[in-house]
Amino acid sequence: MWKYTGQQRPDFAIDVQPDEESVWDYPRPPAIKPDNRDIIVGEKDNIIVKSCNALRILETAGPPTFYIPVNDIDMSSLQQVQGSSFCEWKGNASYWALANNTNKEVIAWSYSDPNSSFTVIKDYLSFYPGRIPCFVNGERVKPQPGHFYGGWVTNEIVGPWKGEPGTEHW
């Protein structure tokens, strides 16, 4: 069984080509990086996010998650729903659904009171690209495998990453 030591990529990591990033080069604990690319979340007739002020959280073995400031989100389109989860780095997460959706499927999450190292994401939300269309500079984001994960897989990201078959022990 492979165990991450933080010192080098595992043998099974995909080799990085120019203009690519390996999820195995991301740190633990996660890093927060500003990202000024154009971010759009939603359908053509129902865009709820337009932003170039995102923050990417980069954590070993997972595609980045993009956090969008609430000032760049049509918050009237969202409704906070029941449920929560805990992240060892960020703290307690709250969940969001589309306000006009009767099934209240969770499409986003936030940290209203994040741990001290992540206070910068206090007024930010991140979206599940497998539950609502998300775009980075016009590229449709592919969702990270697994229902729980919210990583944004774009063409420059290489893995393998958590959520794929056989990754449960990472």
C-alpha atoms as a PDB file:
ATOM      1  CA  MET A   1       0.000   0.000   0.000  1.00  0.00           C
ATOM      2  CA  TRP A   2       1.377   3.424  -0.997  1.00  0.00           C
ATOM      3  CA  LYS A   3       1.505   6.151   1.694  1.00  0.00           C
ATOM      4  CA  TYR A   4       2.149   9.806   0.909  1.00  0.00           C
ATOM      5  CA  THR A   5       5.262  11.145   2.649  1.00  0.00           C
ATOM      6  CA  GLY A   6       5.269  14.606   1.075  1.00  0.00           C
ATOM      7  CA  GLN A   7       8.705  14.079  -0.418  1.00  0.00           C
ATOM      8  CA  GLN A   8       8.111  12.977  -3.996  1.00  0.00           C
ATOM      9  CA  ARG A   9       5.470  11.892  -6.445  1.00  0.00           C
ATOM     10  CA  PRO A  10       4.513   8.233  -6.259  1.00  0.00           C
ATOM     11  CA  ASP A  11       5.568   5.916  -9.095  1.00  0.00           C
ATOM     12  CA  PHE A  12       1.977   5.770 -10.362  1.00  0.00           C
ATOM     13  CA  ALA A  13       1.695   9.555 -10.808  1.00  0.00           C
ATOM     14  CA  ILE A  14       1.249  10.735 -14.394  1.00  0.00           C
ATOM     15  CA  ASP A  15       4.276  12.563 -15.792  1.00  0.00           C
ATOM     16  CA  VAL A  16       3.795  16.311 -16.133  1.00  0.00           C
ATOM     17  CA  GLN A  17       4.125  17.934 -19.549  1.00  0.00           C
ATOM     18  CA  PRO A  18       4.731  21.668 -20.146  1.00  0.00           C
ATOM     19  CA  ASP A  19       1.791  23.784 -18.921  1.00  0.00           C
ATOM     20  CA  GLU A  20       0.469  20.968 -16.696  1.00  0.00           C
ATOM     21  CA  GLU A  21       0.222  20.570 -12.929  1.00  0.00           C
ATOM     22  CA  SER A  22       0.388  17.311 -11.007  1.00  0.00           C
ATOM     23  CA  VAL A  23      -1.924  16.923  -8.038  1.00  0.00           C
ATOM     24  CA  TRP A  24       1.044  15.166  -6.444  1.00  0.00           C
ATOM     25  CA  ASP A  25       2.972  18.459  -6.343  1.00  0.00           C
ATOM     26  CA  TYR A  26       0.242  20.127  -4.287  1.00  0.00           C
ATOM     27  CA  PRO A  27       1.064  20.491  -0.579  1.00  0.00           C
ATOM     28  CA  ARG A  28      -0.395  19.103   2.611  1.00  0.00           C
ATOM     29  CA  PRO A  29      -1.703  21.127   4.379  1.00  0.00           C
ATOM     30  CA  PRO A  30      -3.358  22.734   1.357  1.00  0.00           C
ATOM     31  CA  ALA A  31      -2.212  25.987  -0.244  1.00  0.00           C
ATOM     32  CA  ILE A  32      -4.480  28.875  -1.242  1.00  0.00           C
ATOM     33  CA  LYS A  33      -3.619  30.568  -4.541  1.00  0.00           C
ATOM     34  CA  PRO A  34      -5.358  33.521  -6.234  1.00  0.00           C
ATOM     35  CA  ASP A  35      -6.670  32.724  -9.712  1.00  0.00           C
ATOM     36  CA  ASN A  36      -7.783  35.518 -12.055  1.00  0.00           C
ATOM     37  CA  ARG A  37      -9.065  33.371 -14.919  1.00  0.00           C
ATOM     38  CA  ASP A  38     -12.681  33.817 -16.014  1.00  0.00           C
ATOM     39  CA  ILE A  39     -14.942  31.575 -13.945  1.00  0.00           C
ATOM     40  CA  ILE A  40     -18.566  30.942 -14.937  1.00  0.00           C
ATOM     41  CA  VAL A  41     -20.992  28.705 -13.067  1.00  0.00           C
ATOM     42  CA  GLY A  42     -24.430  27.873 -14.425  1.00  0.00           C
ATOM     43  CA  GLU A  43     -26.310  27.331 -17.655  1.00  0.00           C
ATOM     44  CA  LYS A  44     -26.555  29.827 -20.552  1.00  0.00           C
ATOM     45  CA  ASP A  45     -29.944  31.077 -19.372  1.00  0.00           C
ATOM     46  CA  ASN A  46     -29.086  30.887 -15.659  1.00  0.00           C
ATOM     47  CA  ILE A  47     -25.528  32.074 -14.957  1.00  0.00           C
ATOM     48  CA  ILE A  48     -25.065  32.458 -11.209  1.00  0.00           C
ATOM     49  CA  VAL A  49     -21.313  33.162 -11.134  1.00  0.00           C
ATOM     50  CA  LYS A  50     -19.094  35.404 -13.231  1.00  0.00           C
ATOM     51  CA  SER A  51     -15.761  36.004 -11.593  1.00  0.00           C
ATOM     52  CA  CYS A  52     -12.085  36.607 -12.179  1.00  0.00           C
ATOM     53  CA  ASN A  53     -11.386  36.749  -8.434  1.00  0.00           C
ATOM     54  CA  ALA A  54     -11.283  33.071  -7.488  1.00  0.00           C
ATOM     55  CA  LEU A  55      -9.067  31.349  -4.999  1.00  0.00           C
ATOM     56  CA  ARG A  56      -7.806  27.848  -5.758  1.00  0.00           C
ATOM     57  CA  ILE A  57      -7.165  25.474  -2.902  1.00  0.00           C
ATOM     58  CA  LEU A  58      -4.476  22.967  -3.803  1.00  0.00           C
ATOM     59  CA  GLU A  59      -4.201  19.783  -1.744  1.00  0.00           C
ATOM     60  CA  THR A  60      -2.127  16.676  -2.397  1.00  0.00           C
ATOM     61  CA  ALA A  61      -3.857  14.010  -4.507  1.00  0.00           C
ATOM     62  CA  GLY A  62      -6.918  16.090  -5.403  1.00  0.00           C
ATOM     63  CA  PRO A  63      -7.809  18.447  -8.251  1.00  0.00           C
ATOM     64  CA  PRO A  64      -8.069  22.086  -7.142  1.00  0.00           C
ATOM     65  CA  THR A  65     -11.252  23.475  -5.686  1.00  0.00           C
ATOM     66  CA  PHE A  66     -12.168  26.978  -6.829  1.00  0.00           C
ATOM     67  CA  TYR A  67     -13.657  29.338  -4.254  1.00  0.00           C
ATOM     68  CA  ILE A  68     -15.644  32.307  -5.552  1.00  0.00           C
ATOM     69  CA  PRO A  69     -16.299  35.504  -3.553  1.00  0.00           C
ATOM     70  CA  VAL A  70     -19.973  36.034  -2.684  1.00  0.00           C
ATOM     71  CA  ASN A  71     -19.799  39.465  -4.371  1.00  0.00           C
ATOM     72  CA  ASP A  72     -19.385  37.614  -7.699  1.00  0.00           C
ATOM     73  CA  ILE A  73     -22.287  35.205  -7.049  1.00  0.00           C
ATOM     74  CA  ASP A  74     -25.995  35.804  -7.606  1.00  0.00           C
ATOM     75  CA  MET A  75     -26.808  34.752  -4.035  1.00  0.00           C
ATOM     76  CA  SER A  76     -30.556  35.167  -4.709  1.00  0.00           C
ATOM     77  CA  SER A  77     -30.222  32.030  -6.874  1.00  0.00           C
ATOM     78  CA  LEU A  78     -28.999  29.979  -3.918  1.00  0.00           C
ATOM     79  CA  GLN A  79     -30.453  28.738  -0.679  1.00  0.00           C
ATOM     80  CA  GLN A  80     -28.566  27.312   2.272  1.00  0.00           C
ATOM     81  CA  VAL A  81     -29.733  23.758   3.027  1.00  0.00           C
ATOM     82  CA  GLN A  82     -29.407  21.358   5.928  1.00  0.00           C
ATOM     83  CA  GLY A  83     -26.289  19.332   6.386  1.00  0.00           C
ATOM     84  CA  SER A  84     -22.665  19.925   7.163  1.00  0.00           C
ATOM     85  CA  SER A  85     -19.305  18.234   7.074  1.00  0.00           C
ATOM     86  CA  PHE A  86     -15.925  18.789   8.679  1.00  0.00           C
ATOM     87  CA  CYS A  87     -12.582  19.415   6.976  1.00  0.00           C
ATOM     88  CA  GLU A  88      -9.478  18.981   9.103  1.00  0.00           C
ATOM     89  CA  TRP A  89      -7.974  22.108   7.491  1.00  0.00           C
ATOM     90  CA  LYS A  90     -10.904  24.435   6.872  1.00  0.00           C
ATOM     91  CA  GLY A  91     -13.426  23.517   9.596  1.00  0.00           C
ATOM     92  CA  ASN A  92     -17.208  23.061   9.330  1.00  0.00           C
ATOM     93  CA  ALA A  93     -18.772  23.357   5.876  1.00  0.00           C
ATOM     94  CA  SER A  94     -22.314  24.490   5.084  1.00  0.00           C
ATOM     95  CA  TYR A  95     -24.176  23.498   1.931  1.00  0.00           C
ATOM     96  CA  TRP A  96     -26.100  25.355  -0.761  1.00  0.00           C
ATOM     97  CA  ALA A  97     -28.700  24.399  -3.377  1.00  0.00           C
ATOM     98  CA  LEU A  98     -30.410  26.296  -6.182  1.00  0.00           C
ATOM     99  CA  ALA A  99     -33.252  28.292  -4.649  1.00  0.00           C
ATOM    100  CA  ASN A 100     -35.714  27.284  -7.392  1.00  0.00           C
ATOM    101  CA  ASN A 101     -34.889  23.553  -7.273  1.00  0.00           C
ATOM    102  CA  THR A 102     -37.433  21.473  -5.363  1.00  0.00           C
ATOM    103  CA  ASN A 103     -35.095  18.520  -4.727  1.00  0.00           C
ATOM    104  CA  LYS A 104     -32.535  20.808  -3.004  1.00  0.00           C
ATOM    105  CA  GLU A 105     -29.535  18.972  -4.441  1.00  0.00           C
ATOM    106  CA  VAL A 106     -26.371  20.417  -2.940  1.00  0.00           C
ATOM    107  CA  ILE A 107     -24.375  22.272  -5.597  1.00  0.00           C
ATOM    108  CA  ALA A 108     -22.027  24.364  -3.444  1.00  0.00           C
ATOM    109  CA  TRP A 109     -20.429  24.614  -0.035  1.00  0.00           C
ATOM    110  CA  SER A 110     -18.893  27.322   2.137  1.00  0.00           C
ATOM    111  CA  TYR A 111     -17.138  27.898   5.447  1.00  0.00           C
ATOM    112  CA  SER A 112     -18.798  30.692   7.424  1.00  0.00           C
ATOM    113  CA  ASP A 113     -16.278  30.365  10.266  1.00  0.00           C
ATOM    114  CA  PRO A 114     -13.168  28.710   8.796  1.00  0.00           C
ATOM    115  CA  ASN A 115     -10.135  27.706  10.816  1.00  0.00           C
ATOM    116  CA  SER A 116      -7.532  30.453  11.263  1.00  0.00           C
ATOM    117  CA  SER A 117      -5.303  29.384   8.337  1.00  0.00           C
ATOM    118  CA  PHE A 118      -8.269  29.609   5.943  1.00  0.00           C
ATOM    119  CA  THR A 119     -10.074  32.793   7.059  1.00  0.00           C
ATOM    120  CA  VAL A 120      -9.557  34.206   3.547  1.00  0.00           C
ATOM    121  CA  ILE A 121     -12.340  31.886   2.240  1.00  0.00           C
ATOM    122  CA  LYS A 122     -14.914  33.090   4.794  1.00  0.00           C
ATOM    123  CA  ASP A 123     -17.063  34.926   2.242  1.00  0.00           C
ATOM    124  CA  TYR A 124     -16.491  32.460  -0.613  1.00  0.00           C
ATOM    125  CA  LEU A 125     -18.379  29.463  -2.015  1.00  0.00           C
ATOM    126  CA  SER A 126     -17.123  26.513  -4.009  1.00  0.00           C
ATOM    127  CA  PHE A 127     -19.270  24.596  -6.494  1.00  0.00           C
ATOM    128  CA  TYR A 128     -19.525  20.924  -7.465  1.00  0.00           C
ATOM    129  CA  PRO A 129     -18.805  20.782 -11.225  1.00  0.00           C
ATOM    130  CA  GLY A 130     -20.604  17.429 -11.440  1.00  0.00           C
ATOM    131  CA  ARG A 131     -23.833  19.034 -10.235  1.00  0.00           C
ATOM    132  CA  ILE A 132     -23.792  22.386 -12.032  1.00  0.00           C
ATOM    133  CA  PRO A 133     -21.833  23.412 -15.141  1.00  0.00           C
ATOM    134  CA  CYS A 134     -18.580  25.186 -14.253  1.00  0.00           C
ATOM    135  CA  PHE A 135     -16.156  26.805 -16.694  1.00  0.00           C
ATOM    136  CA  VAL A 136     -12.576  28.097 -16.440  1.00  0.00           C
ATOM    137  CA  ASN A 137     -11.617  30.426 -19.328  1.00  0.00           C
ATOM    138  CA  GLY A 138     -14.365  28.815 -21.408  1.00  0.00           C
ATOM    139  CA  GLU A 139     -13.285  25.218 -20.715  1.00  0.00           C
ATOM    140  CA  ARG A 140     -16.033  23.058 -19.217  1.00  0.00           C
ATOM    141  CA  VAL A 141     -14.735  21.635 -15.962  1.00  0.00           C
ATOM    142  CA  LYS A 142     -14.877  17.875 -15.495  1.00  0.00           C
ATOM    143  CA  PRO A 143     -15.912  16.733 -12.012  1.00  0.00           C
ATOM    144  CA  GLN A 144     -13.577  14.856  -9.719  1.00  0.00           C
ATOM    145  CA  PRO A 145     -14.857  11.278  -9.387  1.00  0.00           C
ATOM    146  CA  GLY A 146     -16.780  10.394  -6.247  1.00  0.00           C
ATOM    147  CA  HIS A 147     -19.969  11.999  -4.992  1.00  0.00           C
ATOM    148  CA  PHE A 148     -18.325  13.795  -2.063  1.00  0.00           C
ATOM    149  CA  TYR A 149     -15.394  15.416  -3.854  1.00  0.00           C
ATOM    150  CA  GLY A 150     -15.631  18.828  -5.497  1.00  0.00           C
ATOM    151  CA  GLY A 151     -12.340  19.121  -7.382  1.00  0.00           C
ATOM    152  CA  TRP A 152     -12.280  20.955 -10.708  1.00  0.00           C
ATOM    153  CA  VAL A 153     -10.540  18.890 -13.377  1.00  0.00           C
ATOM    154  CA  THR A 154      -9.273  21.033 -16.250  1.00  0.00           C
ATOM    155  CA  ASN A 155      -6.912  20.134 -19.087  1.00  0.00           C
ATOM    156  CA  GLU A 156      -3.791  21.261 -17.223  1.00  0.00           C
ATOM    157  CA  ILE A 157      -4.374  18.987 -14.205  1.00  0.00           C
ATOM    158  CA  VAL A 158      -2.874  15.474 -14.128  1.00  0.00           C
ATOM    159  CA  GLY A 159      -3.299  12.741 -11.536  1.00  0.00           C
ATOM    160  CA  PRO A 160      -4.398  10.206 -10.721  1.00  0.00           C
ATOM    161  CA  TRP A 161      -6.503  11.795  -7.987  1.00  0.00           C
ATOM    162  CA  LYS A 162      -8.670  10.780  -5.060  1.00  0.00           C
ATOM    163  CA  GLY A 163     -12.093   9.485  -6.010  1.00  0.00           C
ATOM    164  CA  GLU A 164     -10.971   7.223  -8.844  1.00  0.00           C
ATOM    165  CA  PRO A 165     -11.288   3.441  -8.349  1.00  0.00           C
ATOM    166  CA  GLY A 166      -8.554   2.075  -6.100  1.00  0.00           C
ATOM    167  CA  THR A 167      -7.805   5.396  -4.352  1.00  0.00           C
ATOM    168  CA  GLU A 168      -9.735   4.765  -1.134  1.00  0.00           C
ATOM    169  CA  HIS A 169      -6.510   4.174   0.863  1.00  0.00           C
ATOM    170  CA  TRP A 170      -4.871   7.523  -0.002  1.00  0.00           C
END
